[in-house]
């Protein structure tokens, strides 16, 4: 019985390590994000914030009742709810926290993909490297990059699995992951061909 418990601990250790990595990355990114004056990149952050408020208040992708071109569905949905709070500062901070968490979640598909290719240890190294690039400071801004990064990583993992062992189920998973990524940024559709 004790061997089984030890085996379970060893099997769950990588999952715990990835979870800790995601939490540390989120905390670090959120700390950095709090130093930003949001909105910093105009007009993008303002558009996503205003469209997000409309999504949660009216259920429409609009800005104060006026129709807008399609920018993104999931980014406004993520940042919009906190922005509907009466305390705008708290709402922005919560949106930044959610963005930092979303960006950090890229470590999960990178780890899962790396584990298949190189084993657990190197997969963990890959997951760490996935959350290190300086360009990931965008995670603290109200922009699509924070959601697109983990979504496209998951879509690429699904594509790799589909190419590795083609099946209808894997093709469906790829199309689902691609649809999620495209709901963040339409550029994800480039993976379809």
N, C-alpha and C. Protein backbone atom coordinates (compact mmCIF):
# COMPACT_ATOMS: atom_id res chain seq x y z
N UNK A 1 0.81 -1.20 0.00
CA UNK A 1 0.00 0.00 0.00
C UNK A 1 0.85 1.26 0.00
N UNK A 2 1.96 1.22 0.73
CA UNK A 2 2.82 2.39 0.78
C UNK A 2 3.50 2.64 -0.57
N UNK A 3 3.77 1.58 -1.35
CA UNK A 3 4.34 1.78 -2.68
C UNK A 3 3.36 2.49 -3.59
N UNK A 4 2.09 2.18 -3.45
CA UNK A 4 1.06 2.83 -4.26
C UNK A 4 0.98 4.32 -3.92
N UNK A 5 1.01 4.65 -2.64
CA UNK A 5 0.97 6.05 -2.21
C UNK A 5 2.19 6.79 -2.74
N UNK A 6 3.37 6.15 -2.63
CA UNK A 6 4.59 6.77 -3.15
C UNK A 6 4.49 6.97 -4.66
N UNK A 7 3.94 5.99 -5.37
CA UNK A 7 3.75 6.12 -6.81
C UNK A 7 2.81 7.25 -7.16
N UNK A 8 1.73 7.38 -6.39
CA UNK A 8 0.79 8.47 -6.62
C UNK A 8 1.44 9.82 -6.39
N UNK A 9 2.28 9.93 -5.37
CA UNK A 9 2.98 11.19 -5.09
C UNK A 9 3.93 11.55 -6.23
N UNK A 10 4.65 10.57 -6.72
CA UNK A 10 5.57 10.82 -7.83
C UNK A 10 4.80 11.24 -9.07
N UNK A 11 3.66 10.57 -9.32
CA UNK A 11 2.86 10.91 -10.49
C UNK A 11 2.26 12.31 -10.38
N UNK A 12 1.92 12.74 -9.16
CA UNK A 12 1.30 14.06 -9.01
C UNK A 12 2.33 15.17 -8.85
N UNK A 13 3.60 14.83 -8.59
CA UNK A 13 4.63 15.86 -8.39
C UNK A 13 4.76 16.80 -9.60
N UNK A 14 4.79 16.30 -10.84
CA UNK A 14 4.87 17.23 -11.97
C UNK A 14 3.64 18.14 -12.05
N UNK A 15 2.48 17.61 -11.76
CA UNK A 15 1.27 18.43 -11.79
C UNK A 15 1.35 19.54 -10.74
N UNK A 16 1.85 19.19 -9.57
CA UNK A 16 2.03 20.19 -8.52
C UNK A 16 3.06 21.22 -8.94
N UNK A 17 4.16 20.75 -9.55
CA UNK A 17 5.21 21.66 -10.00
C UNK A 17 4.68 22.64 -11.05
N UNK A 18 3.89 22.15 -11.99
CA UNK A 18 3.32 23.03 -13.01
C UNK A 18 2.33 24.01 -12.37
N UNK A 19 1.52 23.53 -11.43
CA UNK A 19 0.58 24.41 -10.74
C UNK A 19 1.31 25.51 -9.97
N UNK A 20 2.38 25.14 -9.28
CA UNK A 20 3.18 26.13 -8.55
C UNK A 20 3.81 27.11 -9.53
N UNK A 21 4.30 26.61 -10.66
CA UNK A 21 4.86 27.48 -11.68
C UNK A 21 3.83 28.50 -12.17
N UNK A 22 2.62 28.03 -12.45
CA UNK A 22 1.55 28.92 -12.91
C UNK A 22 1.24 29.96 -11.84
N UNK A 23 1.14 29.54 -10.59
CA UNK A 23 0.83 30.48 -9.51
C UNK A 23 1.95 31.50 -9.31
N UNK A 24 3.21 31.06 -9.34
CA UNK A 24 4.33 31.99 -9.18
C UNK A 24 4.40 32.97 -10.34
N UNK A 25 4.21 32.47 -11.54
CA UNK A 25 4.21 33.33 -12.72
C UNK A 25 3.07 34.34 -12.65
N UNK A 26 1.90 33.87 -12.22
CA UNK A 26 0.75 34.77 -12.09
C UNK A 26 1.03 35.86 -11.07
N UNK A 27 1.54 35.47 -9.92
CA UNK A 27 1.83 36.45 -8.88
C UNK A 27 2.85 37.47 -9.35
N UNK A 28 3.90 37.00 -10.01
CA UNK A 28 4.94 37.91 -10.50
C UNK A 28 4.38 38.85 -11.56
N UNK A 29 3.64 38.30 -12.53
CA UNK A 29 3.06 39.13 -13.60
C UNK A 29 2.05 40.13 -13.04
N UNK A 30 1.27 39.69 -12.07
CA UNK A 30 0.29 40.59 -11.46
C UNK A 30 1.01 41.72 -10.72
N UNK A 31 2.08 41.39 -10.01
CA UNK A 31 2.85 42.43 -9.33
C UNK A 31 3.38 43.46 -10.30
N UNK A 32 3.89 43.00 -11.43
CA UNK A 32 4.38 43.91 -12.46
C UNK A 32 3.22 44.70 -13.06
N UNK A 33 2.10 44.01 -13.30
CA UNK A 33 0.94 44.66 -13.91
C UNK A 33 0.43 45.82 -13.05
N UNK A 34 0.54 45.69 -11.75
CA UNK A 34 0.06 46.77 -10.87
C UNK A 34 0.89 48.04 -11.02
N UNK A 35 2.07 47.93 -11.63
CA UNK A 35 2.89 49.13 -11.84
C UNK A 35 2.49 49.86 -13.12
N UNK A 36 1.66 49.23 -13.96
CA UNK A 36 1.22 49.85 -15.20
C UNK A 36 0.03 50.77 -14.94
N UNK A 37 -0.04 51.85 -15.70
CA UNK A 37 -1.24 52.66 -15.72
C UNK A 37 -2.09 52.15 -16.87
N UNK A 38 -3.18 51.50 -16.54
CA UNK A 38 -4.06 50.93 -17.56
C UNK A 38 -5.21 51.89 -17.78
N UNK A 39 -5.57 52.22 -18.99
CA UNK A 39 -5.04 51.70 -20.25
C UNK A 39 -3.73 52.39 -20.62
N UNK A 40 -2.81 51.59 -21.13
CA UNK A 40 -1.50 52.07 -21.52
C UNK A 40 -1.38 52.09 -23.04
N UNK A 41 -1.94 51.07 -23.69
CA UNK A 41 -1.89 50.99 -25.15
C UNK A 41 -3.26 51.38 -25.70
N UNK A 42 -3.33 52.59 -26.23
CA UNK A 42 -4.59 53.10 -26.77
C UNK A 42 -4.62 52.83 -28.27
N UNK A 43 -5.73 52.54 -28.85
CA UNK A 43 -7.05 52.41 -28.24
C UNK A 43 -7.40 50.98 -27.86
N UNK A 44 -6.48 50.03 -28.08
CA UNK A 44 -6.80 48.61 -27.90
C UNK A 44 -7.39 48.30 -26.53
N UNK A 45 -6.70 48.69 -25.49
CA UNK A 45 -7.17 48.34 -24.14
C UNK A 45 -8.54 48.97 -23.86
N UNK A 46 -8.73 50.18 -24.33
CA UNK A 46 -10.02 50.84 -24.12
C UNK A 46 -11.13 50.09 -24.84
N UNK A 47 -10.84 49.67 -26.08
CA UNK A 47 -11.85 48.92 -26.85
C UNK A 47 -12.23 47.62 -26.15
N UNK A 48 -11.23 46.83 -25.75
CA UNK A 48 -11.52 45.55 -25.10
C UNK A 48 -12.26 45.77 -23.79
N UNK A 49 -11.87 46.79 -23.05
CA UNK A 49 -12.55 47.08 -21.79
C UNK A 49 -14.00 47.49 -21.99
N UNK A 50 -14.22 48.40 -22.93
CA UNK A 50 -15.59 48.88 -23.17
C UNK A 50 -16.48 47.79 -23.77
N UNK A 51 -15.91 47.02 -24.71
CA UNK A 51 -16.69 45.91 -25.28
C UNK A 51 -16.98 44.87 -24.20
N UNK A 52 -16.01 44.63 -23.33
CA UNK A 52 -16.21 43.69 -22.23
C UNK A 52 -17.31 44.12 -21.28
N UNK A 53 -17.35 45.40 -20.96
CA UNK A 53 -18.44 45.91 -20.12
C UNK A 53 -19.78 45.65 -20.79
N UNK A 54 -19.86 45.93 -22.10
CA UNK A 54 -21.12 45.73 -22.83
C UNK A 54 -21.53 44.26 -22.86
N UNK A 55 -20.53 43.37 -23.01
CA UNK A 55 -20.84 41.93 -23.03
C UNK A 55 -21.54 41.55 -21.73
N UNK A 56 -21.01 42.02 -20.61
CA UNK A 56 -21.57 41.63 -19.31
C UNK A 56 -22.82 42.42 -18.94
N UNK A 57 -22.99 43.62 -19.47
CA UNK A 57 -24.17 44.41 -19.13
C UNK A 57 -25.34 44.17 -20.07
N UNK A 58 -25.05 43.97 -21.37
CA UNK A 58 -26.13 43.84 -22.35
C UNK A 58 -26.09 42.52 -23.12
N UNK A 59 -24.97 41.80 -23.03
CA UNK A 59 -24.84 40.57 -23.81
C UNK A 59 -24.46 40.81 -25.25
N UNK A 60 -24.05 42.03 -25.59
CA UNK A 60 -23.71 42.37 -26.97
C UNK A 60 -22.25 42.78 -27.07
N UNK A 61 -21.65 42.51 -28.24
CA UNK A 61 -20.31 43.00 -28.53
C UNK A 61 -20.45 44.41 -29.11
N UNK A 62 -20.62 45.38 -28.24
CA UNK A 62 -20.81 46.75 -28.66
C UNK A 62 -20.08 47.67 -27.67
N UNK A 63 -20.07 48.95 -28.02
CA UNK A 63 -19.51 49.94 -27.11
C UNK A 63 -20.60 50.96 -26.81
N UNK A 64 -21.08 50.91 -25.57
CA UNK A 64 -22.14 51.81 -25.12
C UNK A 64 -23.33 51.83 -26.08
N UNK A 65 -23.73 50.63 -26.51
CA UNK A 65 -24.90 50.48 -27.36
C UNK A 65 -24.64 50.66 -28.84
N UNK A 66 -23.44 51.04 -29.21
CA UNK A 66 -23.11 51.25 -30.63
C UNK A 66 -22.39 50.02 -31.17
N UNK A 67 -22.78 49.59 -32.36
CA UNK A 67 -22.17 48.42 -32.99
C UNK A 67 -20.69 48.66 -33.24
N UNK A 68 -19.91 47.60 -33.08
CA UNK A 68 -18.47 47.68 -33.33
C UNK A 68 -18.07 46.52 -34.23
N UNK A 69 -16.95 46.68 -34.94
CA UNK A 69 -16.46 45.52 -35.69
C UNK A 69 -16.00 44.45 -34.71
N UNK A 70 -15.86 43.23 -35.19
CA UNK A 70 -15.43 42.13 -34.31
C UNK A 70 -13.95 42.29 -34.00
N UNK A 71 -13.64 42.34 -32.72
CA UNK A 71 -12.25 42.38 -32.28
C UNK A 71 -11.87 41.06 -31.63
N UNK A 72 -12.69 40.62 -30.70
CA UNK A 72 -12.43 39.41 -29.94
C UNK A 72 -13.69 39.11 -29.15
N UNK A 73 -13.92 37.86 -28.86
CA UNK A 73 -15.04 37.48 -28.01
C UNK A 73 -14.56 37.17 -26.60
N UNK A 74 -13.53 36.36 -26.48
CA UNK A 74 -13.13 35.87 -25.17
C UNK A 74 -12.37 36.91 -24.33
N UNK A 75 -11.58 37.77 -24.95
CA UNK A 75 -10.87 38.79 -24.16
C UNK A 75 -11.86 39.75 -23.51
N UNK A 76 -12.81 40.30 -24.23
CA UNK A 76 -13.80 41.15 -23.55
C UNK A 76 -14.59 40.39 -22.49
N UNK A 77 -14.88 39.12 -22.75
CA UNK A 77 -15.61 38.33 -21.76
C UNK A 77 -14.79 38.16 -20.48
N UNK A 78 -13.47 38.01 -20.63
CA UNK A 78 -12.61 37.84 -19.46
C UNK A 78 -12.45 39.13 -18.67
N UNK A 79 -12.16 40.23 -19.36
CA UNK A 79 -11.86 41.47 -18.64
C UNK A 79 -13.11 42.29 -18.33
N UNK A 80 -14.20 42.00 -18.99
CA UNK A 80 -15.39 42.83 -18.85
C UNK A 80 -16.10 42.76 -17.52
N UNK A 81 -16.22 41.57 -16.95
CA UNK A 81 -16.95 41.43 -15.69
C UNK A 81 -16.33 42.26 -14.57
N UNK A 82 -15.01 42.16 -14.35
CA UNK A 82 -14.44 42.99 -13.29
C UNK A 82 -14.62 44.49 -13.55
N UNK A 83 -14.64 44.88 -14.82
CA UNK A 83 -14.77 46.29 -15.14
C UNK A 83 -16.18 46.83 -14.90
N UNK A 84 -17.13 45.94 -14.66
CA UNK A 84 -18.49 46.40 -14.35
C UNK A 84 -18.65 46.74 -12.87
N UNK A 85 -17.62 46.49 -12.07
CA UNK A 85 -17.69 46.82 -10.64
C UNK A 85 -17.77 48.33 -10.44
N UNK A 86 -18.38 48.75 -9.37
CA UNK A 86 -18.47 50.19 -9.08
C UNK A 86 -17.10 50.81 -8.82
N UNK A 87 -16.21 50.06 -8.20
CA UNK A 87 -14.85 50.54 -7.94
C UNK A 87 -13.98 50.21 -9.14
N UNK A 88 -13.76 51.18 -10.00
CA UNK A 88 -13.03 50.97 -11.26
C UNK A 88 -11.60 50.46 -11.00
N UNK A 89 -10.93 51.00 -9.99
CA UNK A 89 -9.56 50.58 -9.69
C UNK A 89 -9.48 49.10 -9.32
N UNK A 90 -10.42 48.65 -8.50
CA UNK A 90 -10.46 47.23 -8.12
C UNK A 90 -10.79 46.38 -9.34
N UNK A 91 -11.71 46.86 -10.16
CA UNK A 91 -12.08 46.12 -11.37
C UNK A 91 -10.90 45.95 -12.32
N UNK A 92 -10.14 47.00 -12.51
CA UNK A 92 -8.97 46.93 -13.38
C UNK A 92 -7.94 45.96 -12.79
N UNK A 93 -7.72 46.02 -11.47
CA UNK A 93 -6.76 45.13 -10.82
C UNK A 93 -7.20 43.67 -10.96
N UNK A 94 -8.48 43.39 -10.81
CA UNK A 94 -8.97 42.01 -10.98
C UNK A 94 -8.79 41.56 -12.43
N UNK A 95 -9.09 42.45 -13.38
CA UNK A 95 -8.89 42.11 -14.80
C UNK A 95 -7.42 41.83 -15.07
N UNK A 96 -6.52 42.62 -14.48
CA UNK A 96 -5.09 42.38 -14.66
C UNK A 96 -4.68 41.04 -14.05
N UNK A 97 -5.24 40.71 -12.92
CA UNK A 97 -4.95 39.42 -12.29
C UNK A 97 -5.40 38.27 -13.19
N UNK A 98 -6.60 38.39 -13.74
CA UNK A 98 -7.11 37.35 -14.65
C UNK A 98 -6.24 37.23 -15.90
N UNK A 99 -5.79 38.36 -16.41
CA UNK A 99 -4.92 38.35 -17.59
C UNK A 99 -3.58 37.69 -17.25
N UNK A 100 -3.02 38.01 -16.07
CA UNK A 100 -1.75 37.41 -15.66
C UNK A 100 -1.90 35.90 -15.50
N UNK A 101 -3.01 35.46 -14.93
CA UNK A 101 -3.28 34.03 -14.79
C UNK A 101 -3.40 33.37 -16.16
N UNK A 102 -4.16 34.00 -17.06
CA UNK A 102 -4.34 33.43 -18.40
C UNK A 102 -3.00 33.27 -19.11
N UNK A 103 -2.17 34.30 -19.05
CA UNK A 103 -0.85 34.24 -19.70
C UNK A 103 0.00 33.12 -19.10
N UNK A 104 -0.05 32.98 -17.79
CA UNK A 104 0.75 31.97 -17.11
C UNK A 104 0.28 30.55 -17.40
N UNK A 105 -0.98 30.39 -17.74
CA UNK A 105 -1.51 29.06 -18.04
C UNK A 105 -0.91 28.45 -19.31
N UNK A 106 -0.15 29.22 -20.07
CA UNK A 106 0.52 28.67 -21.24
C UNK A 106 1.48 27.56 -20.83
N UNK A 107 1.93 27.57 -19.59
CA UNK A 107 2.84 26.53 -19.10
C UNK A 107 2.19 25.14 -19.17
N UNK A 108 0.88 25.07 -19.06
CA UNK A 108 0.20 23.76 -19.03
C UNK A 108 0.29 23.04 -20.37
N UNK A 109 -0.17 23.63 -21.49
CA UNK A 109 -0.04 22.89 -22.75
C UNK A 109 1.42 22.67 -23.15
N UNK A 110 2.30 23.61 -22.80
CA UNK A 110 3.72 23.43 -23.11
C UNK A 110 4.26 22.23 -22.34
N UNK A 111 3.90 22.10 -21.07
CA UNK A 111 4.35 20.95 -20.29
C UNK A 111 3.79 19.65 -20.87
N UNK A 112 2.50 19.63 -21.18
CA UNK A 112 1.89 18.41 -21.70
C UNK A 112 2.51 17.99 -23.02
N UNK A 113 2.80 18.94 -23.86
CA UNK A 113 3.43 18.66 -25.15
C UNK A 113 4.87 18.19 -24.94
N UNK A 114 5.59 18.90 -24.08
CA UNK A 114 6.98 18.55 -23.81
C UNK A 114 7.13 17.17 -23.19
N UNK A 115 6.19 16.81 -22.33
CA UNK A 115 6.23 15.49 -21.68
C UNK A 115 6.14 14.38 -22.72
N UNK A 116 5.37 14.59 -23.74
CA UNK A 116 5.23 13.59 -24.80
C UNK A 116 6.52 13.47 -25.62
N UNK A 117 7.23 14.59 -25.76
CA UNK A 117 8.42 14.59 -26.61
C UNK A 117 9.71 14.26 -25.88
N UNK A 118 9.85 14.76 -24.64
CA UNK A 118 11.16 14.69 -23.99
C UNK A 118 11.14 14.19 -22.55
N UNK A 119 9.98 13.83 -22.03
CA UNK A 119 9.91 13.37 -20.64
C UNK A 119 9.56 14.50 -19.69
N UNK A 120 9.27 14.12 -18.45
CA UNK A 120 8.77 15.07 -17.46
C UNK A 120 9.75 16.19 -17.12
N UNK A 121 11.00 15.83 -16.90
CA UNK A 121 11.98 16.83 -16.47
C UNK A 121 12.15 17.93 -17.52
N UNK A 122 12.35 17.54 -18.78
CA UNK A 122 12.53 18.53 -19.83
C UNK A 122 11.22 19.26 -20.13
N UNK A 123 10.12 18.60 -19.93
CA UNK A 123 8.82 19.27 -20.11
C UNK A 123 8.65 20.38 -19.09
N UNK A 124 9.10 20.13 -17.88
CA UNK A 124 9.04 21.16 -16.84
C UNK A 124 9.96 22.32 -17.19
N UNK A 125 11.13 22.03 -17.72
CA UNK A 125 12.04 23.09 -18.17
C UNK A 125 11.36 23.90 -19.28
N UNK A 126 10.72 23.23 -20.21
CA UNK A 126 10.02 23.93 -21.30
C UNK A 126 8.90 24.80 -20.74
N UNK A 127 8.18 24.31 -19.75
CA UNK A 127 7.10 25.09 -19.14
C UNK A 127 7.65 26.34 -18.46
N UNK A 128 8.78 26.21 -17.79
CA UNK A 128 9.42 27.37 -17.18
C UNK A 128 9.82 28.37 -18.25
N UNK A 129 10.44 27.88 -19.31
CA UNK A 129 10.85 28.77 -20.41
C UNK A 129 9.65 29.44 -21.07
N UNK A 130 8.51 28.77 -21.08
CA UNK A 130 7.31 29.33 -21.71
C UNK A 130 6.78 30.55 -20.97
N UNK A 131 7.07 30.65 -19.67
CA UNK A 131 6.56 31.81 -18.92
C UNK A 131 7.62 32.86 -18.65
N UNK A 132 8.80 32.71 -19.22
CA UNK A 132 9.90 33.65 -18.98
C UNK A 132 10.03 34.83 -19.96
N UNK A 133 9.61 34.72 -21.21
CA UNK A 133 9.91 35.81 -22.15
C UNK A 133 9.43 37.18 -21.67
N UNK A 134 10.28 38.20 -21.85
CA UNK A 134 9.91 39.55 -21.42
C UNK A 134 8.65 40.08 -22.09
N UNK A 135 8.37 39.66 -23.32
CA UNK A 135 7.19 40.14 -24.03
C UNK A 135 5.90 39.74 -23.31
N UNK A 136 6.00 38.83 -22.35
CA UNK A 136 4.80 38.41 -21.63
C UNK A 136 4.33 39.46 -20.64
N UNK A 137 4.99 40.61 -20.59
CA UNK A 137 4.47 41.70 -19.74
C UNK A 137 3.11 42.15 -20.24
N UNK A 138 2.80 41.83 -21.49
CA UNK A 138 1.48 42.15 -22.02
C UNK A 138 0.37 41.49 -21.20
N UNK A 139 0.72 40.51 -20.41
CA UNK A 139 -0.27 39.85 -19.56
C UNK A 139 -0.94 40.79 -18.58
N UNK A 140 -0.33 41.92 -18.28
CA UNK A 140 -0.92 42.88 -17.36
C UNK A 140 -1.76 43.93 -18.04
N UNK A 141 -1.82 43.88 -19.35
CA UNK A 141 -2.60 44.85 -20.11
C UNK A 141 -3.90 44.21 -20.56
N UNK A 142 -4.89 45.03 -20.83
CA UNK A 142 -6.19 44.51 -21.25
C UNK A 142 -6.18 44.28 -22.76
N UNK A 143 -5.44 43.26 -23.16
CA UNK A 143 -5.27 42.98 -24.57
C UNK A 143 -5.41 41.48 -24.81
N UNK A 144 -5.49 41.10 -26.08
CA UNK A 144 -5.73 39.70 -26.43
C UNK A 144 -4.53 38.79 -26.19
N UNK A 145 -3.33 39.34 -26.10
CA UNK A 145 -2.13 38.51 -25.98
C UNK A 145 -2.21 37.54 -24.81
N UNK A 146 -2.76 37.99 -23.69
CA UNK A 146 -2.80 37.15 -22.49
C UNK A 146 -3.59 35.86 -22.71
N UNK A 147 -4.69 35.93 -23.40
CA UNK A 147 -5.48 34.71 -23.68
C UNK A 147 -4.99 33.97 -24.92
N UNK A 148 -4.46 34.73 -25.87
CA UNK A 148 -4.04 34.10 -27.12
C UNK A 148 -2.86 33.16 -26.91
N UNK A 149 -1.94 33.54 -26.06
CA UNK A 149 -0.73 32.74 -25.83
C UNK A 149 -1.07 31.31 -25.36
N UNK A 150 -1.84 31.13 -24.29
CA UNK A 150 -2.16 29.75 -23.91
C UNK A 150 -3.12 29.08 -24.89
N UNK A 151 -4.00 29.85 -25.50
CA UNK A 151 -4.97 29.25 -26.44
C UNK A 151 -4.26 28.72 -27.68
N UNK A 152 -3.30 29.47 -28.20
CA UNK A 152 -2.60 29.01 -29.40
C UNK A 152 -1.66 27.85 -29.05
N UNK A 153 -1.09 27.87 -27.84
CA UNK A 153 -0.26 26.74 -27.42
C UNK A 153 -1.10 25.47 -27.33
N UNK A 154 -2.30 25.58 -26.79
CA UNK A 154 -3.20 24.42 -26.71
C UNK A 154 -3.62 23.95 -28.10
N UNK A 155 -3.89 24.90 -29.00
CA UNK A 155 -4.28 24.54 -30.36
C UNK A 155 -3.13 23.84 -31.09
N UNK A 156 -1.91 24.32 -30.88
CA UNK A 156 -0.76 23.68 -31.51
C UNK A 156 -0.52 22.28 -30.95
N UNK A 157 -0.73 22.11 -29.65
CA UNK A 157 -0.63 20.77 -29.06
C UNK A 157 -1.68 19.84 -29.68
N UNK A 158 -2.90 20.33 -29.80
CA UNK A 158 -3.96 19.51 -30.40
C UNK A 158 -3.64 19.17 -31.85
N UNK A 159 -3.08 20.13 -32.57
CA UNK A 159 -2.68 19.88 -33.96
C UNK A 159 -1.58 18.82 -34.03
N UNK A 160 -0.59 18.95 -33.15
CA UNK A 160 0.49 17.96 -33.13
C UNK A 160 -0.04 16.56 -32.84
N UNK A 161 -0.96 16.45 -31.89
CA UNK A 161 -1.53 15.15 -31.56
C UNK A 161 -2.34 14.59 -32.73
N UNK A 162 -3.02 15.48 -33.46
CA UNK A 162 -3.80 15.06 -34.62
C UNK A 162 -2.88 14.54 -35.72
N UNK A 163 -1.77 15.24 -35.94
CA UNK A 163 -0.83 14.80 -36.97
C UNK A 163 -0.11 13.52 -36.56
N UNK A 164 0.12 13.37 -35.26
CA UNK A 164 0.81 12.19 -34.74
C UNK A 164 -0.03 10.93 -34.93
N UNK A 165 -1.29 11.00 -34.52
CA UNK A 165 -2.21 9.88 -34.64
C UNK A 165 -3.58 10.42 -35.09
N UNK A 166 -3.79 10.49 -36.40
CA UNK A 166 -5.04 11.06 -36.90
C UNK A 166 -6.26 10.23 -36.47
N UNK A 167 -7.26 10.92 -35.99
CA UNK A 167 -8.54 10.30 -35.68
C UNK A 167 -9.59 11.40 -35.68
N UNK A 168 -10.85 11.02 -35.81
CA UNK A 168 -11.91 12.02 -35.79
C UNK A 168 -11.95 12.75 -34.44
N UNK A 169 -11.71 12.02 -33.37
CA UNK A 169 -11.73 12.63 -32.04
C UNK A 169 -10.63 13.69 -31.92
N UNK A 170 -9.44 13.37 -32.37
CA UNK A 170 -8.34 14.33 -32.28
C UNK A 170 -8.54 15.51 -33.22
N UNK A 171 -9.11 15.25 -34.40
CA UNK A 171 -9.42 16.35 -35.31
C UNK A 171 -10.46 17.27 -34.68
N UNK A 172 -11.45 16.68 -34.01
CA UNK A 172 -12.45 17.47 -33.31
C UNK A 172 -11.86 18.29 -32.19
N UNK A 173 -10.92 17.70 -31.43
CA UNK A 173 -10.26 18.44 -30.36
C UNK A 173 -9.44 19.60 -30.93
N UNK A 174 -8.78 19.35 -32.05
CA UNK A 174 -8.03 20.43 -32.70
C UNK A 174 -8.97 21.55 -33.14
N UNK A 175 -10.08 21.19 -33.77
CA UNK A 175 -11.02 22.23 -34.22
C UNK A 175 -11.61 22.99 -33.04
N UNK A 176 -11.86 22.31 -31.93
CA UNK A 176 -12.34 22.98 -30.73
C UNK A 176 -11.29 23.95 -30.20
N UNK A 177 -10.05 23.49 -30.06
CA UNK A 177 -8.98 24.35 -29.56
C UNK A 177 -8.73 25.51 -30.51
N UNK A 178 -8.81 25.26 -31.81
CA UNK A 178 -8.64 26.32 -32.80
C UNK A 178 -9.77 27.33 -32.70
N UNK A 179 -10.98 26.86 -32.48
CA UNK A 179 -12.13 27.76 -32.34
C UNK A 179 -11.98 28.66 -31.12
N UNK A 180 -11.48 28.10 -30.03
CA UNK A 180 -11.24 28.91 -28.83
C UNK A 180 -10.18 29.97 -29.12
N UNK A 181 -9.09 29.56 -29.76
CA UNK A 181 -8.03 30.52 -30.09
C UNK A 181 -8.55 31.60 -31.04
N UNK A 182 -9.37 31.21 -32.01
CA UNK A 182 -9.92 32.18 -32.96
C UNK A 182 -10.93 33.11 -32.29
N UNK A 183 -11.57 32.66 -31.22
CA UNK A 183 -12.48 33.53 -30.47
C UNK A 183 -11.71 34.58 -29.68
N UNK A 184 -10.41 34.36 -29.55
CA UNK A 184 -9.54 35.37 -28.94
C UNK A 184 -8.99 36.28 -30.03
N UNK A 185 -8.40 35.67 -31.06
CA UNK A 185 -7.84 36.42 -32.20
C UNK A 185 -8.08 35.61 -33.46
N UNK A 186 -8.63 36.24 -34.47
CA UNK A 186 -8.93 35.55 -35.72
C UNK A 186 -7.68 35.03 -36.42
N UNK A 187 -6.51 35.59 -36.11
CA UNK A 187 -5.28 35.13 -36.73
C UNK A 187 -5.02 33.65 -36.47
N UNK A 188 -5.62 33.08 -35.47
CA UNK A 188 -5.45 31.65 -35.16
C UNK A 188 -5.91 30.78 -36.32
N UNK A 189 -6.81 31.27 -37.14
CA UNK A 189 -7.33 30.48 -38.25
C UNK A 189 -6.25 30.11 -39.28
N UNK A 190 -5.09 30.73 -39.18
CA UNK A 190 -3.99 30.39 -40.06
C UNK A 190 -3.56 28.94 -39.87
N UNK A 191 -3.86 28.34 -38.71
CA UNK A 191 -3.52 26.95 -38.46
C UNK A 191 -4.42 25.98 -39.23
N UNK A 192 -5.55 26.44 -39.68
CA UNK A 192 -6.49 25.55 -40.35
C UNK A 192 -5.93 24.93 -41.64
N UNK A 193 -5.34 25.70 -42.52
CA UNK A 193 -4.81 25.07 -43.74
C UNK A 193 -3.68 24.12 -43.42
